[in-house]
Amino acid sequence: MAQKCKVLIVHNQYQLAGGEDTVAENEGNLLRENGHEVFYYTRTNKEIERMNPMQKAVAGLGTLFSWKAYREISKLIMDHGIQIVHVHNTVPLVSPSVYYAAKKHGCKVVQSIHNMRMLCPTGMMVRNESICEECVTKGLRCAVRHGCYRGSKLQSLLLSGSIALHRRLGTYTKKVDAYLVTTEFNYRMLQKVVPEDKIYFKSYFSDSETWDIAKKRHEYYIYISRVEYLKGIFVALKAFAKLPGQRLLVMGVGPGEEAAHKYVEDNQLENIEFLGFKTKQEMLELLYHAKALVFPTQWYEGFPMTIVESMAVGTPVIGSNIGNVGTIVKDGVNGLTFQYDDPDDLVEKIHYLEDHEEVARKLEEGAQADFIEHHTFERVYQQTFEIYSSLLNE
């Protein structure tokens, strides 16, 4: 293996903190705690709010290539003797300029894949609350036509143009040494635009400890996510409307709360309880005593950390059979999958779990075994170090 190295983590933070921000921070902590020197280059979309119209125009063009980011990253690399530049998000203020700065100074470049941005400008592959692959099958111009990015045809044009330009220049194939994906689904999708030999698997980790499965109370089912259509809240509610003998706890907030509460009230559902926001420790306690985590997402997702936490406490997942969730949840091993848009199929899977206690206990063991094998601090650090080492020893 390679010696301890100097790593620059590059990330464009979102206006509202999200999972990618957490992962970028966790990556730095993981490396630092194992003896590596870690430096950060971060930008935040909140910078845009403080810009005047001219500055915003320049920043928009910077989506194609940011000379500011190029200069600042180059300086950090030279000042600190950086060996590896590990990139998380580049949109919109960092841009692919980071790859050019890193390669100019002889660094190895690693790009973590958190979404579908290399295939779809929004990163979500969703339009009008439905899965959309038009940019893959018909070209990036579709995003411009529909104004997919932030509802703006101009912003969609800038971002689509950046992706198209850097594909044509070979930026993604020549300037990036390794792409890190978390699932088979991401692997298959990314193969459409980058060489297979540049794609590596690396899991997300959690600092959660494993919990004693023998002490679980199995009191209810639980939904933990944003309360909105795309996360499948209404699929879950419609399913439990047909399961009056089973409790569903709904933990989370979101734009669909009012409609979700109204559905429950209109249908006089007494088996569904809304909990709102909870702390992480409260969430883990609730997960621990659940029969299963219900994850009925209606889109491809990234890698939901809630699923990782659920596996840590030994709670299986009943998840949608699409996208990343459809590959994270291994049917009959660490959970069950169902037809993502069919509440009746979700009902059937819950009946199956209720009728097969031995299977339910096997899934609990399988969920926790998955966590131990793939998502502990030690395991993910080993994966990261092995990838870094292979690149530095080329």
Protein backbone atom coordinates (compact mmCIF):
# COMPACT_ATOMS: atom_id res chain seq x y z
CA MET A 1 0.00 0.00 0.00
CA ALA A 2 1.00 3.60 -0.47
CA GLN A 3 2.25 5.80 2.30
CA LYS A 4 -0.06 8.25 4.02
CA CYS A 5 -0.86 10.97 1.52
CA LYS A 6 -2.01 14.56 1.22
CA VAL A 7 -5.57 14.85 0.01
CA LEU A 8 -7.53 17.88 -1.14
CA ILE A 9 -11.30 17.45 -0.84
CA VAL A 10 -13.23 19.66 -3.25
CA HIS A 11 -16.94 20.28 -2.81
CA ASN A 12 -19.52 22.82 -3.95
CA GLN A 13 -22.02 22.93 -1.10
CA TYR A 14 -25.73 23.32 -1.69
CA GLN A 15 -27.84 26.17 -0.32
CA LEU A 16 -29.62 23.71 1.93
CA ALA A 17 -27.36 21.17 3.61
CA GLY A 18 -27.83 17.68 2.20
CA GLY A 19 -26.41 14.18 2.17
CA GLU A 20 -23.54 15.02 -0.21
CA ASP A 21 -22.31 17.73 2.17
CA THR A 22 -22.30 15.22 5.01
CA VAL A 23 -20.47 12.60 2.95
CA ALA A 24 -17.79 15.10 1.86
CA GLU A 25 -17.19 16.07 5.48
CA ASN A 26 -17.17 12.45 6.62
CA GLU A 27 -14.61 11.54 3.95
CA GLY A 28 -12.22 14.13 5.36
CA ASN A 29 -12.71 12.91 8.91
CA LEU A 30 -12.18 9.32 7.80
CA LEU A 31 -8.86 10.14 6.16
CA ARG A 32 -7.61 12.47 8.88
CA GLU A 33 -8.33 9.98 11.65
CA ASN A 34 -6.23 7.43 9.75
CA GLY A 35 -3.18 9.66 9.52
CA HIS A 36 -3.60 11.42 6.18
CA GLU A 37 -3.22 15.17 5.77
CA VAL A 38 -6.51 16.57 4.56
CA PHE A 39 -7.23 19.99 3.07
CA TYR A 40 -10.51 21.43 1.78
CA TYR A 41 -11.60 23.63 -1.07
CA THR A 42 -15.28 24.41 -0.61
CA ARG A 43 -17.65 26.80 -2.32
CA THR A 44 -21.27 27.35 -1.37
CA ASN A 45 -24.24 28.27 -3.50
CA LYS A 46 -25.06 30.92 -0.91
CA GLU A 47 -22.31 32.98 -2.55
CA ILE A 48 -24.66 33.52 -5.50
CA GLU A 49 -27.19 35.31 -3.30
CA ARG A 50 -24.63 38.04 -2.57
CA MET A 51 -23.70 38.63 -6.22
CA ASN A 52 -24.87 41.53 -8.37
CA PRO A 53 -26.37 40.76 -11.82
CA MET A 54 -23.01 41.07 -13.60
CA GLN A 55 -21.31 38.74 -11.13
CA LYS A 56 -24.14 36.24 -11.50
CA ALA A 57 -23.68 36.30 -15.27
CA VAL A 58 -19.96 35.61 -14.88
CA ALA A 59 -20.69 32.84 -12.37
CA GLY A 60 -23.15 31.30 -14.85
CA LEU A 61 -20.48 31.18 -17.54
CA GLY A 62 -18.15 29.78 -14.89
CA THR A 63 -20.24 26.63 -14.93
CA LEU A 64 -18.31 25.79 -18.10
CA PHE A 65 -14.92 26.63 -16.59
CA SER A 66 -14.17 28.69 -13.49
CA TRP A 67 -10.83 30.49 -13.64
CA LYS A 68 -11.29 31.52 -10.00
CA ALA A 69 -11.58 27.89 -8.89
CA TYR A 70 -8.71 26.90 -11.18
CA ARG A 71 -6.36 29.48 -9.65
CA GLU A 72 -7.37 28.83 -6.05
CA ILE A 73 -7.17 25.05 -6.33
CA SER A 74 -3.80 25.29 -8.11
CA LYS A 75 -2.46 27.40 -5.26
CA LEU A 76 -3.66 24.92 -2.62
CA ILE A 77 -2.04 22.04 -4.50
CA MET A 78 1.29 23.84 -4.77
CA ASP A 79 1.26 25.20 -1.22
CA HIS A 80 0.56 21.85 0.41
CA GLY A 81 2.07 19.30 -1.96
CA ILE A 82 -1.30 17.65 -2.64
CA GLN A 83 -1.16 14.16 -4.16
CA ILE A 84 -4.85 13.31 -4.53
CA VAL A 85 -7.71 15.65 -5.36
CA HIS A 86 -10.97 14.04 -4.28
CA VAL A 87 -13.97 15.81 -5.82
CA HIS A 88 -17.57 15.55 -4.65
CA ASN A 89 -19.71 18.25 -6.33
CA THR A 90 -18.56 20.83 -8.89
CA VAL A 91 -21.86 22.54 -9.80
CA PRO A 92 -22.07 25.42 -10.34
CA LEU A 93 -19.15 27.38 -8.85
CA VAL A 94 -16.24 24.92 -9.00
CA SER A 95 -16.82 23.51 -12.51
CA PRO A 96 -14.61 20.92 -14.27
CA SER A 97 -11.75 23.42 -13.89
CA VAL A 98 -10.79 21.43 -10.78
CA TYR A 99 -9.77 18.48 -12.96
CA TYR A 100 -7.53 20.65 -15.12
CA ALA A 101 -5.87 22.30 -12.11
CA ALA A 102 -5.21 18.91 -10.51
CA LYS A 103 -3.74 17.30 -13.62
CA LYS A 104 -1.55 20.31 -14.39
CA HIS A 105 0.18 19.75 -11.06
CA GLY A 106 0.46 15.96 -11.36
CA CYS A 107 -2.29 14.98 -8.92
CA LYS A 108 -4.47 11.93 -9.13
CA VAL A 109 -8.15 12.87 -9.49
CA VAL A 110 -10.96 10.97 -7.79
CA GLN A 111 -14.61 11.85 -8.37
CA SER A 112 -17.32 10.51 -6.04
CA ILE A 113 -20.63 9.92 -7.81
CA HIS A 114 -23.55 11.01 -5.63
CA ASN A 115 -26.15 11.54 -8.34
CA MET A 116 -26.81 11.22 -12.07
CA ARG A 117 -25.37 14.65 -12.98
CA MET A 118 -23.12 13.23 -15.70
CA LEU A 119 -26.20 11.93 -17.48
CA CYS A 120 -28.85 14.43 -16.45
CA PRO A 121 -28.25 18.13 -15.64
CA THR A 122 -30.55 18.02 -12.61
CA GLY A 123 -28.79 14.92 -11.29
CA MET A 124 -32.14 13.32 -10.48
CA MET A 125 -33.46 11.93 -13.78
CA VAL A 126 -36.93 13.13 -12.81
CA ARG A 127 -39.37 15.39 -14.65
CA ASN A 128 -42.96 16.15 -13.67
CA GLU A 129 -42.62 13.81 -10.69
CA SER A 130 -41.80 10.84 -12.93
CA ILE A 131 -38.57 9.10 -13.90
CA CYS A 132 -37.14 10.60 -17.08
CA GLU A 133 -34.22 9.32 -19.19
CA GLU A 134 -34.68 11.63 -22.19
CA CYS A 135 -31.22 13.18 -21.76
CA VAL A 136 -29.75 9.68 -21.99
CA THR A 137 -31.78 8.44 -24.94
CA LYS A 138 -32.36 11.67 -26.90
CA GLY A 139 -29.57 14.01 -25.80
CA LEU A 140 -28.94 16.81 -23.32
CA ARG A 141 -30.92 19.30 -25.39
CA CYS A 142 -34.04 17.80 -23.80
CA ALA A 143 -33.12 19.40 -20.48
CA VAL A 144 -32.94 22.77 -22.18
CA ARG A 145 -36.27 22.31 -23.93
CA HIS A 146 -38.00 21.44 -20.67
CA GLY A 147 -36.05 23.92 -18.51
CA CYS A 148 -35.24 21.08 -16.14
CA TYR A 149 -32.51 22.76 -14.07
CA ARG A 150 -34.21 25.06 -11.56
CA GLY A 151 -37.06 25.65 -14.03
CA SER A 152 -34.80 27.84 -16.17
CA LYS A 153 -34.00 27.22 -19.83
CA LEU A 154 -30.97 29.50 -19.55
CA GLN A 155 -29.52 27.72 -16.52
CA SER A 156 -30.35 24.38 -18.13
CA LEU A 157 -28.51 25.50 -21.27
CA LEU A 158 -25.40 26.48 -19.29
CA LEU A 159 -25.26 23.24 -17.34
CA SER A 160 -26.15 21.00 -20.31
CA GLY A 161 -23.62 22.92 -22.38
CA SER A 162 -20.93 22.34 -19.77
CA ILE A 163 -21.59 18.60 -19.67
CA ALA A 164 -21.66 18.36 -23.48
CA LEU A 165 -18.51 20.47 -23.88
CA HIS A 166 -16.48 18.44 -21.43
CA ARG A 167 -17.67 15.17 -22.92
CA ARG A 168 -16.44 16.42 -26.29
CA LEU A 169 -13.11 17.59 -24.85
CA GLY A 170 -12.59 14.25 -23.14
CA THR A 171 -12.41 15.91 -19.73
CA TYR A 172 -14.31 13.12 -17.99
CA THR A 173 -12.26 10.35 -19.59
CA LYS A 174 -8.79 11.93 -19.64
CA LYS A 175 -8.66 14.15 -16.57
CA VAL A 176 -10.34 11.90 -13.98
CA ASP A 177 -8.45 8.82 -12.79
CA ALA A 178 -11.21 7.15 -10.75
CA TYR A 179 -14.95 7.40 -10.30
CA LEU A 180 -16.33 6.07 -7.03
CA VAL A 181 -19.82 4.55 -7.08
CA THR A 182 -21.82 3.01 -4.27
CA THR A 183 -24.14 0.63 -6.12
CA GLU A 184 -24.46 -1.65 -9.12
CA PHE A 185 -27.10 0.68 -10.52
CA ASN A 186 -24.76 3.68 -10.46
CA TYR A 187 -22.06 1.49 -12.03
CA ARG A 188 -24.30 0.51 -14.94
CA MET A 189 -25.45 4.07 -15.52
CA LEU A 190 -21.97 5.59 -15.36
CA GLN A 191 -20.67 3.07 -17.89
CA LYS A 192 -22.70 4.94 -20.49
CA VAL A 193 -20.32 7.94 -20.32
CA VAL A 194 -16.96 6.88 -18.83
CA PRO A 195 -14.66 3.86 -19.30
CA GLU A 196 -15.47 0.86 -17.14
CA ASP A 197 -11.89 0.52 -15.91
CA LYS A 198 -12.12 3.93 -14.22
CA ILE A 199 -15.12 2.96 -12.06
CA TYR A 200 -14.56 1.67 -8.52
CA PHE A 201 -16.99 0.56 -5.84
CA LYS A 202 -16.81 2.33 -2.48
CA SER A 203 -19.54 2.29 0.15
CA TYR A 204 -20.71 5.03 2.45
CA PHE A 205 -19.97 4.49 6.12
CA SER A 206 -21.78 5.21 9.34
CA ASP A 207 -20.31 5.71 12.78
CA SER A 208 -23.29 3.89 14.28
CA GLU A 209 -22.66 0.80 16.38
CA THR A 210 -24.52 -2.43 15.76
CA TRP A 211 -27.45 -3.02 18.10
CA ASP A 212 -28.51 -6.29 19.75
CA ILE A 213 -31.14 -7.85 17.49
CA ALA A 214 -32.40 -10.10 20.29
CA LYS A 215 -33.79 -7.09 22.19
CA LYS A 216 -35.89 -5.63 19.37
CA ARG A 217 -39.58 -5.13 20.19
CA HIS A 218 -41.01 -5.26 16.63
CA GLU A 219 -43.80 -2.80 17.39
CA TYR A 220 -44.49 -1.03 14.06
CA TYR A 221 -43.29 -0.19 10.56
CA ILE A 222 -41.54 3.10 9.94
CA TYR A 223 -41.12 5.59 7.08
CA ILE A 224 -38.13 7.94 7.46
CA SER A 225 -37.67 10.43 4.66
CA ARG A 226 -38.90 13.72 3.31
CA VAL A 227 -42.67 13.76 3.24
CA GLU A 228 -43.29 14.24 -0.47
CA TYR A 229 -44.57 12.44 -3.52
CA LEU A 230 -41.16 11.50 -4.97
CA LYS A 231 -40.18 9.80 -1.73
CA GLY A 232 -43.26 7.61 -1.98
CA ILE A 233 -45.22 8.84 1.03
CA PHE A 234 -48.55 8.32 -0.72
CA VAL A 235 -47.65 4.79 -1.78
CA ALA A 236 -46.96 4.05 1.89
CA LEU A 237 -50.18 5.71 3.11
CA LYS A 238 -52.32 3.89 0.53
CA ALA A 239 -50.75 0.57 1.52
CA PHE A 240 -51.34 1.05 5.24
CA ALA A 241 -54.90 2.16 4.57
CA LYS A 242 -55.34 -1.52 3.65
CA LEU A 243 -53.44 -2.71 6.73
CA PRO A 244 -55.52 -1.46 9.67
CA GLY A 245 -53.86 -3.94 12.00
CA GLN A 246 -50.34 -2.60 11.34
CA ARG A 247 -48.95 0.70 12.62
CA LEU A 248 -46.94 3.04 10.43
CA LEU A 249 -44.83 5.80 11.96
CA VAL A 250 -43.94 8.62 9.58
CA MET A 251 -40.78 10.48 10.55
CA GLY A 252 -39.79 13.52 8.52
CA VAL A 253 -41.02 16.81 7.13
CA GLY A 254 -41.51 18.08 3.61
CA PRO A 255 -43.74 19.74 1.03
CA GLY A 256 -46.24 16.89 1.04
CA GLU A 257 -47.06 17.07 4.75
CA GLU A 258 -50.38 18.89 4.41
CA ALA A 259 -51.64 16.55 1.70
CA ALA A 260 -50.43 13.50 3.64
CA HIS A 261 -52.21 14.61 6.82
CA LYS A 262 -55.36 15.30 4.82
CA TYR A 263 -55.27 11.82 3.27
CA VAL A 264 -55.02 10.23 6.70
CA GLU A 265 -57.82 12.41 8.10
CA ASP A 266 -60.13 11.94 5.10
CA ASN A 267 -59.74 8.17 5.29
CA GLN A 268 -59.94 8.08 9.11
CA LEU A 269 -56.73 6.10 9.38
CA GLU A 270 -55.94 5.48 13.03
CA ASN A 271 -52.88 3.30 12.39
CA ILE A 272 -50.69 6.07 10.96
CA GLU A 273 -48.81 8.53 13.17
CA PHE A 274 -46.77 11.54 12.03
CA LEU A 275 -43.70 12.21 14.17
CA GLY A 276 -42.12 15.16 12.38
CA PHE A 277 -38.40 15.76 12.90
CA LYS A 278 -36.38 13.67 15.35
CA THR A 279 -32.74 13.69 16.43
CA LYS A 280 -30.42 10.99 15.12
CA GLN A 281 -30.47 9.13 18.43
CA GLU A 282 -34.27 9.24 18.52
CA MET A 283 -34.33 8.03 14.93
CA LEU A 284 -32.08 5.08 15.74
CA GLU A 285 -34.27 4.09 18.71
CA LEU A 286 -37.36 4.20 16.52
CA LEU A 287 -35.65 2.22 13.76
CA TYR A 288 -34.41 -0.38 16.22
CA HIS A 289 -37.86 -1.37 17.43
CA ALA A 290 -39.45 -1.35 13.96
CA LYS A 291 -40.41 -4.47 12.07
CA ALA A 292 -39.03 -2.89 8.90
CA LEU A 293 -38.11 0.42 7.34
CA VAL A 294 -40.54 1.19 4.50
CA PHE A 295 -38.68 3.01 1.71
CA PRO A 296 -41.12 3.48 -1.20
CA THR A 297 -39.13 5.96 -3.28
CA GLN A 298 -40.46 6.90 -6.73
CA TRP A 299 -37.11 7.88 -8.25
CA TYR A 300 -33.61 6.47 -8.63
CA GLU A 301 -32.21 8.03 -5.39
CA GLY A 302 -28.57 8.30 -4.37
CA PHE A 303 -27.50 6.12 -1.46
CA PRO A 304 -29.91 6.87 1.41
CA MET A 305 -28.03 6.92 4.69
CA THR A 306 -31.27 6.00 6.45
CA ILE A 307 -30.95 2.54 4.92
CA VAL A 308 -27.41 2.22 6.28
CA GLU A 309 -28.57 3.24 9.76
CA SER A 310 -31.45 0.76 9.52
CA MET A 311 -29.06 -2.08 8.70
CA ALA A 312 -26.82 -1.10 11.64
CA VAL A 313 -29.64 -1.63 14.14
CA GLY A 314 -30.73 -4.83 12.41
CA THR A 315 -33.95 -3.58 10.83
CA PRO A 316 -34.65 -4.89 7.32
CA VAL A 317 -35.87 -2.60 4.53
CA ILE A 318 -38.94 -3.01 2.36
CA GLY A 319 -37.87 -0.87 -0.57
CA SER A 320 -38.79 0.10 -4.10
CA ASN A 321 -37.43 -2.13 -6.85
CA ILE A 322 -35.94 0.72 -8.90
CA GLY A 323 -32.66 2.60 -9.09
CA ASN A 324 -30.17 2.47 -6.27
CA VAL A 325 -32.65 1.31 -3.63
CA GLY A 326 -33.51 -1.62 -5.88
CA THR A 327 -29.88 -2.76 -5.74
CA ILE A 328 -29.07 -1.80 -2.13
CA VAL A 329 -32.01 -3.84 -0.88
CA LYS A 330 -31.27 -7.45 -1.77
CA ASP A 331 -34.59 -9.25 -1.86
CA GLY A 332 -34.67 -12.04 0.72
CA VAL A 333 -31.24 -11.15 2.11
CA ASN A 334 -31.37 -7.78 3.90
CA GLY A 335 -34.97 -6.87 3.08
CA LEU A 336 -37.71 -7.17 0.51
CA THR A 337 -38.40 -5.24 -2.69
CA PHE A 338 -41.76 -4.34 -4.18
CA GLN A 339 -43.10 -2.76 -7.37
CA TYR A 340 -42.29 0.84 -6.58
CA ASP A 341 -45.58 2.42 -7.71
CA ASP A 342 -47.94 -0.32 -6.52
CA PRO A 343 -49.32 0.00 -2.94
CA ASP A 344 -50.93 -3.44 -3.28
CA ASP A 345 -47.54 -5.06 -3.84
CA LEU A 346 -46.24 -3.30 -0.74
CA VAL A 347 -49.23 -4.70 1.17
CA GLU A 348 -48.35 -8.19 -0.05
CA LYS A 349 -44.74 -7.88 1.12
CA ILE A 350 -45.86 -6.74 4.57
CA HIS A 351 -48.30 -9.66 4.79
CA TYR A 352 -45.43 -11.96 3.80
CA LEU A 353 -43.20 -10.58 6.53
CA GLU A 354 -45.97 -10.91 9.11
CA ASP A 355 -46.72 -14.50 8.07
CA HIS A 356 -43.09 -15.69 8.06
CA GLU A 357 -41.48 -14.89 11.39
CA GLU A 358 -38.44 -17.04 10.65
CA VAL A 359 -37.82 -15.13 7.41
CA ALA A 360 -38.22 -11.82 9.25
CA ARG A 361 -35.49 -12.80 11.75
CA LYS A 362 -33.24 -13.95 8.89
CA LEU A 363 -33.66 -10.57 7.19
CA GLU A 364 -32.68 -8.78 10.40
CA GLU A 365 -29.49 -10.81 10.59
CA GLY A 366 -28.86 -10.21 6.88
CA ALA A 367 -29.33 -6.46 7.24
CA GLN A 368 -26.82 -6.24 10.08
CA ALA A 369 -24.37 -8.53 8.30
CA ASP A 370 -24.56 -6.20 5.27
CA PHE A 371 -23.73 -3.23 7.48
CA ILE A 372 -20.74 -4.97 9.04
CA GLU A 373 -19.39 -6.13 5.68
CA HIS A 374 -19.82 -2.88 3.76
CA HIS A 375 -20.53 0.18 5.90
CA THR A 376 -18.30 0.33 8.97
CA PHE A 377 -15.64 3.00 9.43
CA GLU A 378 -12.87 0.39 9.11
CA ARG A 379 -14.24 -1.27 5.98
CA VAL A 380 -14.81 1.97 4.07
CA TYR A 381 -11.40 3.31 5.01
CA GLN A 382 -9.82 0.11 3.70
CA GLN A 383 -11.67 0.53 0.40
CA THR A 384 -10.62 4.17 0.13
CA PHE A 385 -6.96 3.51 0.91
CA GLU A 386 -6.77 0.64 -1.55
CA ILE A 387 -8.16 2.85 -4.34
CA TYR A 388 -5.81 5.71 -3.49
CA SER A 389 -2.86 3.33 -3.32
CA SER A 390 -3.59 1.75 -6.67
CA LEU A 391 -3.70 5.20 -8.30
CA LEU A 392 -0.49 6.46 -6.68
CA ASN A 393 1.36 3.26 -7.59
CA GLU A 394 0.44 3.39 -11.28
